[in-house]
Amino acid sequence: FATPMKSAIYTYHFRRYLGRNLTRAEAAVIGPLEKMRIRGLERRLLVVDPPGVDTRGILCAYVEYLRKKVNPHSDILIMTQNKDVSVYTAKRLSTPDTATYAATGHRPENIRGLTYDTALLFDIQDYGVCSPAREDNDFHRVATAVFPVISSNPNSLLILHARADVPHLYRWPGLKEYTDPSLAPPDVPIKKPDPTVPIIIPLKLKETERPWSEGFSPRSEAALPPHPRPL
């Protein structure tokens, strides 16, 4: 996978926006996301935080960066296990000219009919009966409410986030259908190289016959300044 030097190149603009360097755990997530974006690859990932690591804050900061510097017209969905947390997070990311929706993993059907370019689903292990960790789970309710919209958008970002000390999280009963480590893009690590950094696993979403989401039109991402060296 990418060397620390290459990862630093990919995160250059985000670090300048943030005003600080990234921790190893943060770089392990943002580096692949930016590399995939720059290369035009689909960004549909499961991010698994090991004990003692919490990437929810840096993922929110990354989405804020994308909205302000890359795709200012993007609409965002925030889903957590608690409506109050979702509303609080959505308000922090809201802007006057875009929509930022708050939802809960306990009632995912409430978002049907909405359109959005970015979806952050935090703490999916705590979604009650919809938790993919349960043997008898209803995670398909989350998938059918969120995935058909986000998967049809060429500039979209979909992140499933979990915090759990569970090996091979992609084998959780509710995730088996949507994860396939063999589909990882080049240089995106699958196996955990270090127990102190998150695991990143690509999502395998079913093909949909739907066109782009209603109300969505393809947009060219705003041009960023050149990187400090060739990619």
Protein backbone atom coordinates (compact mmCIF):
# COMPACT_ATOMS: atom_id res chain seq x y z
CA PHE A 1 0.00 0.00 0.00
CA ALA A 2 0.95 3.65 -0.19
CA THR A 3 4.13 4.72 1.58
CA PRO A 4 3.95 7.46 4.25
CA MET A 5 5.52 9.89 1.76
CA LYS A 6 2.88 9.19 -0.89
CA SER A 7 0.12 9.37 1.70
CA ALA A 8 1.41 12.79 2.75
CA ILE A 9 1.20 13.95 -0.87
CA TYR A 10 -2.42 12.85 -1.21
CA THR A 11 -3.44 14.54 2.04
CA TYR A 12 -1.52 17.76 1.31
CA HIS A 13 -4.52 20.03 0.60
CA PHE A 14 -6.63 18.58 3.38
CA ARG A 15 -3.83 19.12 5.91
CA ARG A 16 -3.47 22.73 4.77
CA TYR A 17 -7.22 23.20 5.17
CA LEU A 18 -7.12 21.59 8.62
CA GLY A 19 -4.09 23.62 9.69
CA ARG A 20 -2.23 20.68 11.21
CA ASN A 21 -0.70 17.32 10.44
CA LEU A 22 -2.75 14.14 10.64
CA THR A 23 -2.26 11.43 13.20
CA ARG A 24 -1.31 7.99 11.89
CA ALA A 25 -4.87 6.78 12.40
CA GLU A 26 -6.32 9.81 10.57
CA ALA A 27 -3.86 9.50 7.68
CA ALA A 28 -4.73 5.80 7.34
CA VAL A 29 -8.30 6.84 6.47
CA ILE A 30 -7.91 10.17 4.66
CA GLY A 31 -4.94 9.08 2.52
CA PRO A 32 -6.87 6.31 0.70
CA LEU A 33 -9.99 8.46 0.42
CA GLU A 34 -8.10 11.28 -1.26
CA LYS A 35 -6.15 8.90 -3.47
CA MET A 36 -9.37 7.30 -4.66
CA ARG A 37 -10.95 10.71 -5.27
CA ILE A 38 -7.98 11.99 -7.24
CA ARG A 39 -7.91 8.82 -9.34
CA GLY A 40 -11.64 8.99 -10.00
CA LEU A 41 -12.42 5.75 -8.16
CA GLU A 42 -15.71 5.14 -6.36
CA ARG A 43 -15.51 5.87 -2.66
CA ARG A 44 -17.73 3.36 -0.87
CA LEU A 45 -15.90 2.13 2.19
CA LEU A 46 -16.32 0.48 5.55
CA VAL A 47 -14.05 2.09 8.16
CA VAL A 48 -13.44 0.06 11.30
CA ASP A 49 -11.90 1.85 14.28
CA PRO A 50 -9.81 -0.30 16.63
CA PRO A 51 -10.04 0.22 20.40
CA GLY A 52 -8.86 3.66 21.42
CA VAL A 53 -9.32 5.19 17.95
CA ASP A 54 -12.23 7.40 16.87
CA THR A 55 -12.21 8.68 13.28
CA ARG A 56 -15.70 10.19 13.33
CA GLY A 57 -14.33 13.69 13.89
CA ILE A 58 -11.80 13.54 11.06
CA LEU A 59 -14.40 12.07 8.69
CA CYS A 60 -16.72 14.98 9.45
CA ALA A 61 -13.84 17.41 8.89
CA TYR A 62 -13.08 15.70 5.56
CA VAL A 63 -16.67 15.99 4.40
CA GLU A 64 -16.67 19.66 5.44
CA TYR A 65 -13.46 20.15 3.43
CA LEU A 66 -15.01 18.50 0.35
CA ARG A 67 -18.08 20.67 0.60
CA LYS A 68 -16.10 23.89 0.96
CA LYS A 69 -13.20 23.21 -1.40
CA VAL A 70 -14.22 20.52 -3.89
CA ASN A 71 -17.97 20.13 -4.32
CA PRO A 72 -19.74 23.09 -2.68
CA HIS A 73 -23.21 21.97 -3.79
CA SER A 74 -23.14 18.53 -2.17
CA ASP A 75 -26.02 17.40 0.03
CA ILE A 76 -25.11 15.25 3.02
CA LEU A 77 -26.79 12.54 5.09
CA ILE A 78 -25.63 11.91 8.66
CA MET A 79 -26.90 8.72 10.31
CA THR A 80 -26.06 7.63 13.86
CA GLN A 81 -27.68 5.43 16.49
CA ASN A 82 -29.15 8.51 18.19
CA LYS A 83 -31.24 11.26 16.58
CA ASP A 84 -29.84 13.97 18.85
CA VAL A 85 -26.27 13.09 17.84
CA SER A 86 -27.26 13.06 14.16
CA VAL A 87 -28.92 16.46 14.43
CA TYR A 88 -25.94 17.94 16.28
CA THR A 89 -23.47 16.62 13.69
CA ALA A 90 -25.63 17.71 10.76
CA LYS A 91 -25.92 21.25 12.16
CA ARG A 92 -22.14 21.53 12.41
CA LEU A 93 -21.83 20.61 8.72
CA SER A 94 -24.80 22.60 7.42
CA THR A 95 -24.48 25.52 5.03
CA PRO A 96 -27.17 27.94 3.76
CA ASP A 97 -27.12 26.66 0.18
CA THR A 98 -27.10 22.89 0.77
CA ALA A 99 -29.12 20.26 2.56
CA THR A 100 -27.72 18.29 5.49
CA TYR A 101 -30.04 15.55 6.70
CA ALA A 102 -30.05 13.84 10.10
CA ALA A 103 -31.32 10.29 10.51
CA THR A 104 -31.11 7.34 12.86
CA GLY A 105 -30.15 3.76 12.12
CA HIS A 106 -33.11 2.58 14.17
CA ARG A 107 -35.60 4.07 11.67
CA PRO A 108 -33.76 4.26 8.33
CA GLU A 109 -37.01 4.29 6.34
CA ASN A 110 -37.55 7.92 7.38
CA ILE A 111 -35.01 9.08 4.77
CA ARG A 112 -36.79 7.58 1.78
CA GLY A 113 -37.42 10.17 -0.90
CA LEU A 114 -34.36 12.26 0.00
CA THR A 115 -31.41 12.74 -2.31
CA TYR A 116 -27.84 13.39 -1.20
CA ASP A 117 -24.30 13.15 -2.55
CA THR A 118 -22.54 12.07 0.65
CA ALA A 119 -23.61 9.65 3.38
CA LEU A 120 -21.82 9.10 6.69
CA LEU A 121 -23.25 6.22 8.70
CA PHE A 122 -21.57 6.27 12.11
CA ASP A 123 -21.46 3.48 14.72
CA ILE A 124 -23.42 0.99 12.65
CA GLN A 125 -22.81 -1.66 15.33
CA ASP A 126 -25.24 0.25 17.59
CA TYR A 127 -28.23 0.38 15.23
CA GLY A 128 -30.35 -1.92 17.39
CA VAL A 129 -32.20 -4.53 15.31
CA CYS A 130 -30.56 -2.97 12.23
CA SER A 131 -27.05 -3.58 13.57
CA PRO A 132 -25.14 -5.75 11.08
CA ALA A 133 -23.38 -7.42 14.03
CA ARG A 134 -26.56 -9.26 15.04
CA GLU A 135 -27.09 -12.77 13.69
CA ASP A 136 -30.77 -11.97 13.19
CA ASN A 137 -30.52 -8.42 11.87
CA ASP A 138 -32.46 -5.96 9.74
CA PHE A 139 -29.45 -4.15 8.28
CA HIS A 140 -31.05 -4.51 4.85
CA ARG A 141 -33.47 -1.77 5.97
CA VAL A 142 -30.50 0.60 6.18
CA ALA A 143 -29.01 -0.63 2.92
CA THR A 144 -32.21 -0.35 0.90
CA ALA A 145 -32.89 3.15 2.26
CA VAL A 146 -29.38 4.57 1.73
CA PHE A 147 -27.50 2.63 -0.93
CA PRO A 148 -29.79 2.99 -4.00
CA VAL A 149 -29.46 6.78 -3.88
CA ILE A 150 -25.80 7.10 -3.05
CA SER A 151 -24.60 4.35 -5.40
CA SER A 152 -26.09 6.06 -8.45
CA ASN A 153 -24.24 9.32 -7.93
CA PRO A 154 -20.91 9.59 -9.80
CA ASN A 155 -19.43 12.12 -7.36
CA SER A 156 -20.72 10.56 -4.18
CA LEU A 157 -19.09 9.36 -0.98
CA LEU A 158 -20.43 6.56 1.20
CA ILE A 159 -18.79 5.69 4.50
CA LEU A 160 -19.99 3.00 6.89
CA HIS A 161 -18.22 3.46 10.20
CA ALA A 162 -17.95 0.98 13.05
CA ARG A 163 -16.18 0.97 16.40
CA ALA A 164 -15.66 -2.58 17.51
CA ASP A 165 -12.85 -4.90 18.51
CA VAL A 166 -13.99 -7.65 16.18
CA PRO A 167 -11.65 -9.38 13.69
CA HIS A 168 -12.92 -9.69 10.12
CA LEU A 169 -15.73 -7.20 10.65
CA TYR A 170 -16.74 -7.57 7.01
CA ARG A 171 -17.96 -11.07 7.92
CA TRP A 172 -20.62 -9.69 10.24
CA PRO A 173 -23.94 -11.28 9.18
CA GLY A 174 -25.42 -8.02 7.96
CA LEU A 175 -22.31 -6.98 6.00
CA LYS A 176 -21.39 -10.16 4.13
CA GLU A 177 -23.53 -9.18 1.18
CA TYR A 178 -21.94 -5.75 0.84
CA THR A 179 -18.22 -6.30 1.48
CA ASP A 180 -15.62 -8.00 -0.66
CA PRO A 181 -11.95 -7.45 0.21
CA SER A 182 -10.88 -8.75 -3.21
CA LEU A 183 -12.38 -5.63 -4.82
CA ALA A 184 -10.04 -3.22 -3.08
CA PRO A 185 -8.54 -0.57 -5.39
CA PRO A 186 -4.74 -0.69 -5.83
CA ASP A 187 -2.74 0.56 -2.84
CA VAL A 188 -5.75 0.53 -0.48
CA PRO A 189 -4.85 -1.82 2.38
CA ILE A 190 -7.30 -4.55 3.36
CA LYS A 191 -5.64 -6.25 6.31
CA LYS A 192 -4.88 -4.29 9.40
CA PRO A 193 -1.15 -3.40 9.20
CA ASP A 194 -1.16 -2.00 12.73
CA PRO A 195 -3.66 -2.49 15.58
CA THR A 196 -3.61 1.27 16.25
CA VAL A 197 -4.99 2.34 12.84
CA PRO A 198 -8.41 1.72 11.28
CA ILE A 199 -9.20 -1.08 8.86
CA ILE A 200 -10.58 0.05 5.50
CA ILE A 201 -12.73 -2.37 3.50
CA PRO A 202 -14.36 -1.59 0.13
CA LEU A 203 -18.11 -2.00 -0.20
CA LYS A 204 -19.64 -4.13 -2.90
CA LEU A 205 -22.96 -2.56 -3.84
CA LYS A 206 -25.47 -4.17 -6.12
CA GLU A 207 -25.88 -2.62 -9.54
CA THR A 208 -28.96 -0.48 -9.83
CA GLU A 209 -30.99 0.19 -12.95
CA ARG A 210 -31.93 3.61 -11.66
CA PRO A 211 -30.48 6.68 -13.38
CA TRP A 212 -28.89 9.42 -11.33
CA SER A 213 -30.98 10.36 -8.36
CA GLU A 214 -33.89 12.63 -9.13
CA GLY A 215 -32.82 16.21 -8.84
CA PHE A 216 -29.12 15.41 -9.24
CA SER A 217 -27.06 16.60 -12.17
CA PRO A 218 -23.38 15.74 -12.66
CA ARG A 219 -21.06 18.50 -11.55
CA SER A 220 -17.43 19.05 -12.26
CA GLU A 221 -15.42 19.20 -9.07
CA ALA A 222 -13.80 22.53 -8.44
CA ALA A 223 -10.15 22.53 -9.46
CA LEU A 224 -7.69 22.38 -6.60
CA PRO A 225 -4.19 23.84 -6.81
CA PRO A 226 -1.57 21.40 -8.09
CA HIS A 227 -0.02 19.03 -5.57
CA PRO A 228 3.51 19.80 -4.40
CA ARG A 229 4.86 17.03 -6.64
CA PRO A 230 3.51 14.79 -9.43
CA LEU A 231 1.09 12.07 -8.31
